[in-house]
């Protein structure tokens, strides 16, 4: 069971997808289920980046922040 758990962990961690699955491993069974609500919620954020700066908007407005990035 430990070898199976390590192998499964290596695969889902390699692709940074472990957070999207519920995995159950027993002596006789391996099962998994996708966390579809969580996957859908994260998909809404695909392609969105947040840029922060400690400069005030008078020194660097949103457009200038993006341009400087």
PDB file of N, CA and C in Angstrom:
ATOM      1  N   UNK A   1       0.833  -1.191   0.000  1.00  0.00           N
ATOM      2  CA  UNK A   1       0.000   0.000   0.000  1.00  0.00           C
ATOM      3  C   UNK A   1       0.876   1.252   0.000  1.00  0.00           C
ATOM      4  N   UNK A   2       1.964   1.236   0.768  1.00  0.00           N
ATOM      5  CA  UNK A   2       2.835   2.413   0.824  1.00  0.00           C
ATOM      6  C   UNK A   2       3.454   2.723  -0.530  1.00  0.00           C
ATOM      7  N   UNK A   3       3.856   1.687  -1.260  1.00  0.00           N
ATOM      8  CA  UNK A   3       4.460   1.897  -2.581  1.00  0.00           C
ATOM      9  C   UNK A   3       3.453   2.517  -3.545  1.00  0.00           C
ATOM     10  N   UNK A   4       2.212   2.049  -3.468  1.00  0.00           N
ATOM     11  CA  UNK A   4       1.166   2.603  -4.334  1.00  0.00           C
ATOM     12  C   UNK A   4       0.913   4.067  -3.976  1.00  0.00           C
ATOM     13  N   UNK A   5       0.829   4.349  -2.696  1.00  0.00           N
ATOM     14  CA  UNK A   5       0.587   5.734  -2.268  1.00  0.00           C
ATOM     15  C   UNK A   5       1.717   6.649  -2.721  1.00  0.00           C
ATOM     16  N   UNK A   6       2.946   6.196  -2.616  1.00  0.00           N
ATOM     17  CA  UNK A   6       4.077   7.016  -3.064  1.00  0.00           C
ATOM     18  C   UNK A   6       4.039   7.235  -4.570  1.00  0.00           C
ATOM     19  N   UNK A   7       3.685   6.199  -5.314  1.00  0.00           N
ATOM     20  CA  UNK A   7       3.611   6.327  -6.775  1.00  0.00           C
ATOM     21  C   UNK A   7       2.502   7.285  -7.187  1.00  0.00           C
ATOM     22  N   UNK A   8       1.346   7.148  -6.579  1.00  0.00           N
ATOM     23  CA  UNK A   8       0.225   8.045  -6.889  1.00  0.00           C
ATOM     24  C   UNK A   8       0.599   9.476  -6.519  1.00  0.00           C
ATOM     25  N   UNK A   9       1.180   9.662  -5.350  1.00  0.00           N
ATOM     26  CA  UNK A   9       1.592  10.993  -4.914  1.00  0.00           C
ATOM     27  C   UNK A   9       2.589  11.622  -5.865  1.00  0.00           C
ATOM     28  N   UNK A  10       3.527  10.830  -6.347  1.00  0.00           N
ATOM     29  CA  UNK A  10       4.532  11.355  -7.278  1.00  0.00           C
ATOM     30  C   UNK A  10       3.898  11.848  -8.564  1.00  0.00           C
ATOM     31  N   UNK A  11       2.924  11.121  -9.061  1.00  0.00           N
ATOM     32  CA  UNK A  11       2.274  11.509 -10.320  1.00  0.00           C
ATOM     33  C   UNK A  11       1.440  12.773 -10.142  1.00  0.00           C
ATOM     34  N   UNK A  12       0.563  12.792  -9.139  1.00  0.00           N
ATOM     35  CA  UNK A  12      -0.324  13.957  -9.023  1.00  0.00           C
ATOM     36  C   UNK A  12       0.424  15.186  -8.519  1.00  0.00           C
ATOM     37  N   UNK A  13       1.494  15.003  -7.775  1.00  0.00           N
ATOM     38  CA  UNK A  13       2.284  16.153  -7.347  1.00  0.00           C
ATOM     39  C   UNK A  13       3.154  16.688  -8.481  1.00  0.00           C
ATOM     40  N   UNK A  14       3.595  15.796  -9.361  1.00  0.00           N
ATOM     41  CA  UNK A  14       4.415  16.222 -10.505  1.00  0.00           C
ATOM     42  C   UNK A  14       3.657  17.235 -11.363  1.00  0.00           C
ATOM     43  N   UNK A  15       2.378  17.008 -11.526  1.00  0.00           N
ATOM     44  CA  UNK A  15       1.558  17.886 -12.354  1.00  0.00           C
ATOM     45  C   UNK A  15       0.830  18.956 -11.540  1.00  0.00           C
ATOM     46  N   UNK A  16       1.145  19.055 -10.246  1.00  0.00           N
ATOM     47  CA  UNK A  16       0.555  20.060  -9.350  1.00  0.00           C
ATOM     48  C   UNK A  16      -0.971  19.976  -9.344  1.00  0.00           C
ATOM     49  N   UNK A  17      -1.488  18.752  -9.364  1.00  0.00           N
ATOM     50  CA  UNK A  17      -2.928  18.546  -9.442  1.00  0.00           C
ATOM     51  C   UNK A  17      -3.487  17.863  -8.200  1.00  0.00           C
ATOM     52  N   UNK A  18      -2.674  17.564  -7.212  1.00  0.00           N
ATOM     53  CA  UNK A  18      -3.132  16.825  -6.030  1.00  0.00           C
ATOM     54  C   UNK A  18      -4.301  17.523  -5.341  1.00  0.00           C
ATOM     55  N   UNK A  19      -4.289  18.842  -5.356  1.00  0.00           N
ATOM     56  CA  UNK A  19      -5.345  19.594  -4.668  1.00  0.00           C
ATOM     57  C   UNK A  19      -6.716  19.405  -5.311  1.00  0.00           C
ATOM     58  N   UNK A  20      -6.755  18.862  -6.525  1.00  0.00           N
ATOM     59  CA  UNK A  20      -8.017  18.712  -7.240  1.00  0.00           C
ATOM     60  C   UNK A  20      -8.616  17.306  -7.149  1.00  0.00           C
ATOM     61  N   UNK A  21      -8.013  16.434  -6.340  1.00  0.00           N
ATOM     62  CA  UNK A  21      -8.492  15.062  -6.247  1.00  0.00           C
ATOM     63  C   UNK A  21      -8.596  14.618  -4.796  1.00  0.00           C
ATOM     64  N   UNK A  22      -9.619  13.827  -4.520  1.00  0.00           N
ATOM     65  CA  UNK A  22      -9.717  13.081  -3.266  1.00  0.00           C
ATOM     66  C   UNK A  22      -9.261  11.670  -3.598  1.00  0.00           C
ATOM     67  N   UNK A  23      -8.196  11.221  -2.961  1.00  0.00           N
ATOM     68  CA  UNK A  23      -7.642   9.901  -3.234  1.00  0.00           C
ATOM     69  C   UNK A  23      -7.779   9.047  -1.983  1.00  0.00           C
ATOM     70  N   UNK A  24      -8.239   7.808  -2.176  1.00  0.00           N
ATOM     71  CA  UNK A  24      -8.353   6.850  -1.077  1.00  0.00           C
ATOM     72  C   UNK A  24      -7.603   5.586  -1.470  1.00  0.00           C
ATOM     73  N   UNK A  25      -6.673   5.175  -0.624  1.00  0.00           N
ATOM     74  CA  UNK A  25      -5.870   3.989  -0.891  1.00  0.00           C
ATOM     75  C   UNK A  25      -6.002   3.044   0.299  1.00  0.00           C
ATOM     76  N   UNK A  26      -6.380   1.806   0.001  1.00  0.00           N
ATOM     77  CA  UNK A  26      -6.454   0.769   1.031  1.00  0.00           C
ATOM     78  C   UNK A  26      -5.561  -0.389   0.596  1.00  0.00           C
ATOM     79  N   UNK A  27      -5.565  -1.455   1.371  1.00  0.00           N
ATOM     80  CA  UNK A  27      -4.763  -2.633   1.016  1.00  0.00           C
ATOM     81  C   UNK A  27      -5.248  -3.291  -0.266  1.00  0.00           C
ATOM     82  N   UNK A  28      -6.507  -3.084  -0.616  1.00  0.00           N
ATOM     83  CA  UNK A  28      -7.076  -3.781  -1.774  1.00  0.00           C
ATOM     84  C   UNK A  28      -7.653  -2.865  -2.839  1.00  0.00           C
ATOM     85  N   UNK A  29      -7.586  -1.558  -2.639  1.00  0.00           N
ATOM     86  CA  UNK A  29      -8.294  -0.670  -3.557  1.00  0.00           C
ATOM     87  C   UNK A  29      -7.609   0.685  -3.664  1.00  0.00           C
ATOM     88  N   UNK A  30      -7.716   1.260  -4.825  1.00  0.00           N
ATOM     89  CA  UNK A  30      -7.291   2.639  -5.080  1.00  0.00           C
ATOM     90  C   UNK A  30      -8.469   3.326  -5.740  1.00  0.00           C
ATOM     91  N   UNK A  31      -8.933   4.399  -5.149  1.00  0.00           N
ATOM     92  CA  UNK A  31     -10.021   5.148  -5.764  1.00  0.00           C
ATOM     93  C   UNK A  31      -9.703   6.637  -5.702  1.00  0.00           C
ATOM     94  N   UNK A  32     -10.261   7.357  -6.648  1.00  0.00           N
ATOM     95  CA  UNK A  32     -10.070   8.806  -6.672  1.00  0.00           C
ATOM     96  C   UNK A  32     -11.322   9.463  -7.204  1.00  0.00           C
ATOM     97  N   UNK A  33     -11.485  10.706  -6.819  1.00  0.00           N
ATOM     98  CA  UNK A  33     -12.636  11.482  -7.267  1.00  0.00           C
ATOM     99  C   UNK A  33     -12.178  12.910  -7.520  1.00  0.00           C
ATOM    100  N   UNK A  34     -12.609  13.459  -8.643  1.00  0.00           N
ATOM    101  CA  UNK A  34     -12.273  14.841  -8.972  1.00  0.00           C
ATOM    102  C   UNK A  34     -13.110  15.779  -8.118  1.00  0.00           C
ATOM    103  N   UNK A  35     -12.495  16.870  -7.658  1.00  0.00           N
ATOM    104  CA  UNK A  35     -13.215  17.916  -6.926  1.00  0.00           C
ATOM    105  C   UNK A  35     -13.704  18.931  -7.966  1.00  0.00           C
ATOM    106  N   UNK A  36     -14.809  18.600  -8.615  1.00  0.00           N
ATOM    107  CA  UNK A  36     -15.250  19.380  -9.777  1.00  0.00           C
ATOM    108  C   UNK A  36     -15.592  20.826  -9.438  1.00  0.00           C
ATOM    109  N   UNK A  37     -16.204  21.070  -8.281  1.00  0.00           N
ATOM    110  CA  UNK A  37     -16.530  22.451  -7.925  1.00  0.00           C
ATOM    111  C   UNK A  37     -15.263  23.284  -7.763  1.00  0.00           C
ATOM    112  N   UNK A  38     -14.266  22.713  -7.117  1.00  0.00           N
ATOM    113  CA  UNK A  38     -12.992  23.414  -6.920  1.00  0.00           C
ATOM    114  C   UNK A  38     -12.284  23.631  -8.255  1.00  0.00           C
ATOM    115  N   UNK A  39     -12.314  22.637  -9.119  1.00  0.00           N
ATOM    116  CA  UNK A  39     -11.687  22.750 -10.441  1.00  0.00           C
ATOM    117  C   UNK A  39     -12.367  23.850 -11.247  1.00  0.00           C
ATOM    118  N   UNK A  40     -13.699  23.878 -11.235  1.00  0.00           N
ATOM    119  CA  UNK A  40     -14.442  24.904 -11.980  1.00  0.00           C
ATOM    120  C   UNK A  40     -14.160  26.304 -11.433  1.00  0.00           C
ATOM    121  N   UNK A  41     -14.078  26.422 -10.098  1.00  0.00           N
ATOM    122  CA  UNK A  41     -13.806  27.728  -9.490  1.00  0.00           C
ATOM    123  C   UNK A  41     -12.419  28.225  -9.873  1.00  0.00           C
ATOM    124  N   UNK A  42     -11.445  27.331  -9.888  1.00  0.00           N
ATOM    125  CA  UNK A  42     -10.093  27.744 -10.258  1.00  0.00           C
ATOM    126  C   UNK A  42      -9.993  28.071 -11.744  1.00  0.00           C
ATOM    127  N   UNK A  43     -10.768  27.376 -12.556  1.00  0.00           N
ATOM    128  CA  UNK A  43     -10.759  27.639 -14.000  1.00  0.00           C
ATOM    129  C   UNK A  43     -11.207  29.061 -14.308  1.00  0.00           C
ATOM    130  N   UNK A  44     -12.076  29.615 -13.471  1.00  0.00           N
ATOM    131  CA  UNK A  44     -12.526  30.996 -13.679  1.00  0.00           C
ATOM    132  C   UNK A  44     -11.382  31.994 -13.522  1.00  0.00           C
ATOM    133  N   UNK A  45     -10.339  31.593 -12.805  1.00  0.00           N
ATOM    134  CA  UNK A  45      -9.204  32.488 -12.572  1.00  0.00           C
ATOM    135  C   UNK A  45      -8.062  32.281 -13.564  1.00  0.00           C
ATOM    136  N   UNK A  46      -8.174  31.305 -14.446  1.00  0.00           N
ATOM    137  CA  UNK A  46      -7.109  31.050 -15.416  1.00  0.00           C
ATOM    138  C   UNK A  46      -6.824  32.301 -16.233  1.00  0.00           C
ATOM    139  N   UNK A  47      -5.568  32.647 -16.322  1.00  0.00           N
ATOM    140  CA  UNK A  47      -5.151  33.793 -17.101  1.00  0.00           C
ATOM    141  C   UNK A  47      -5.241  35.116 -16.366  1.00  0.00           C
ATOM    142  N   UNK A  48      -5.622  35.112 -15.113  1.00  0.00           N
ATOM    143  CA  UNK A  48      -5.740  36.348 -14.334  1.00  0.00           C
ATOM    144  C   UNK A  48      -4.525  36.474 -13.417  1.00  0.00           C
ATOM    145  N   UNK A  49      -3.900  37.598 -13.447  1.00  0.00           N
ATOM    146  CA  UNK A  49      -2.757  37.873 -12.588  1.00  0.00           C
ATOM    147  C   UNK A  49      -3.055  39.101 -11.736  1.00  0.00           C
ATOM    148  N   UNK A  50      -2.539  39.115 -10.539  1.00  0.00           N
ATOM    149  CA  UNK A  50      -2.690  40.257  -9.649  1.00  0.00           C
ATOM    150  C   UNK A  50      -1.313  40.861  -9.451  1.00  0.00           C
ATOM    151  N   UNK A  51      -1.205  42.139  -9.719  1.00  0.00           N
ATOM    152  CA  UNK A  51       0.047  42.861  -9.515  1.00  0.00           C
ATOM    153  C   UNK A  51      -0.140  43.841  -8.378  1.00  0.00           C
ATOM    154  N   UNK A  52       0.786  43.814  -7.430  1.00  0.00           N
ATOM    155  CA  UNK A  52       0.728  44.739  -6.300  1.00  0.00           C
ATOM    156  C   UNK A  52       1.982  45.594  -6.286  1.00  0.00           C
ATOM    157  N   UNK A  53       1.809  46.801  -5.827  1.00  0.00           N
ATOM    158  CA  UNK A  53       2.933  47.695  -5.653  1.00  0.00           C
ATOM    159  C   UNK A  53       2.709  48.497  -4.381  1.00  0.00           C
ATOM    160  N   UNK A  54       3.791  48.926  -3.773  1.00  0.00           N
ATOM    161  CA  UNK A  54       3.636  49.743  -2.568  1.00  0.00           C
ATOM    162  C   UNK A  54       3.601  51.230  -2.907  1.00  0.00           C
ATOM    163  N   UNK A  55       3.653  51.548  -4.193  1.00  0.00           N
ATOM    164  CA  UNK A  55       3.557  52.941  -4.628  1.00  0.00           C
ATOM    165  C   UNK A  55       2.092  53.347  -4.699  1.00  0.00           C
ATOM    166  N   UNK A  56       1.810  54.571  -4.380  1.00  0.00           N
ATOM    167  CA  UNK A  56       0.443  55.086  -4.459  1.00  0.00           C
ATOM    168  C   UNK A  56       0.012  55.266  -5.902  1.00  0.00           C
ATOM    169  N   UNK A  57      -1.290  55.392  -6.111  1.00  0.00           N
ATOM    170  CA  UNK A  57      -1.805  55.518  -7.474  1.00  0.00           C
ATOM    171  C   UNK A  57      -1.361  56.808  -8.152  1.00  0.00           C
ATOM    172  N   UNK A  58      -0.990  57.825  -7.372  1.00  0.00           N
ATOM    173  CA  UNK A  58      -0.478  59.054  -7.983  1.00  0.00           C
ATOM    174  C   UNK A  58       0.895  58.829  -8.590  1.00  0.00           C
ATOM    175  N   UNK A  59       1.698  57.959  -7.961  1.00  0.00           N
ATOM    176  CA  UNK A  59       3.044  57.674  -8.467  1.00  0.00           C
ATOM    177  C   UNK A  59       3.011  56.650  -9.605  1.00  0.00           C
ATOM    178  N   UNK A  60       2.099  55.678  -9.508  1.00  0.00           N
ATOM    179  CA  UNK A  60       2.058  54.603 -10.504  1.00  0.00           C
ATOM    180  C   UNK A  60       0.624  54.065 -10.583  1.00  0.00           C
ATOM    181  N   UNK A  61      -0.109  54.481 -11.620  1.00  0.00           N
ATOM    182  CA  UNK A  61      -1.495  54.017 -11.752  1.00  0.00           C
ATOM    183  C   UNK A  61      -1.525  52.581 -12.284  1.00  0.00           C
ATOM    184  N   UNK A  62      -2.717  52.014 -12.404  1.00  0.00           N
ATOM    185  CA  UNK A  62      -2.868  50.612 -12.796  1.00  0.00           C
ATOM    186  C   UNK A  62      -2.225  50.328 -14.161  1.00  0.00           C
ATOM    187  N   UNK A  63      -2.461  51.185 -15.134  1.00  0.00           N
ATOM    188  CA  UNK A  63      -1.897  50.985 -16.471  1.00  0.00           C
ATOM    189  C   UNK A  63      -0.377  51.019 -16.430  1.00  0.00           C
ATOM    190  N   UNK A  64       0.182  51.965 -15.703  1.00  0.00           N
ATOM    191  CA  UNK A  64       1.633  52.083 -15.598  1.00  0.00           C
ATOM    192  C   UNK A  64       2.226  50.895 -14.838  1.00  0.00           C
ATOM    193  N   UNK A  65       1.492  50.374 -13.864  1.00  0.00           N
ATOM    194  CA  UNK A  65       1.962  49.189 -13.126  1.00  0.00           C
ATOM    195  C   UNK A  65       2.083  48.002 -14.064  1.00  0.00           C
ATOM    196  N   UNK A  66       1.043  47.791 -14.877  1.00  0.00           N
ATOM    197  CA  UNK A  66       1.077  46.679 -15.832  1.00  0.00           C
ATOM    198  C   UNK A  66       2.206  46.885 -16.842  1.00  0.00           C
ATOM    199  N   UNK A  67       2.362  48.088 -17.329  1.00  0.00           N
ATOM    200  CA  UNK A  67       3.404  48.380 -18.305  1.00  0.00           C
ATOM    201  C   UNK A  67       4.800  48.144 -17.695  1.00  0.00           C
ATOM    202  N   UNK A  68       4.980  48.534 -16.446  1.00  0.00           N
ATOM    203  CA  UNK A  68       6.269  48.352 -15.781  1.00  0.00           C
ATOM    204  C   UNK A  68       6.571  46.883 -15.520  1.00  0.00           C
ATOM    205  N   UNK A  69       5.523  46.101 -15.316  1.00  0.00           N
ATOM    206  CA  UNK A  69       5.709  44.685 -15.064  1.00  0.00           C
ATOM    207  C   UNK A  69       6.279  44.014 -16.282  1.00  0.00           C
TER     208      UNK A  69
END
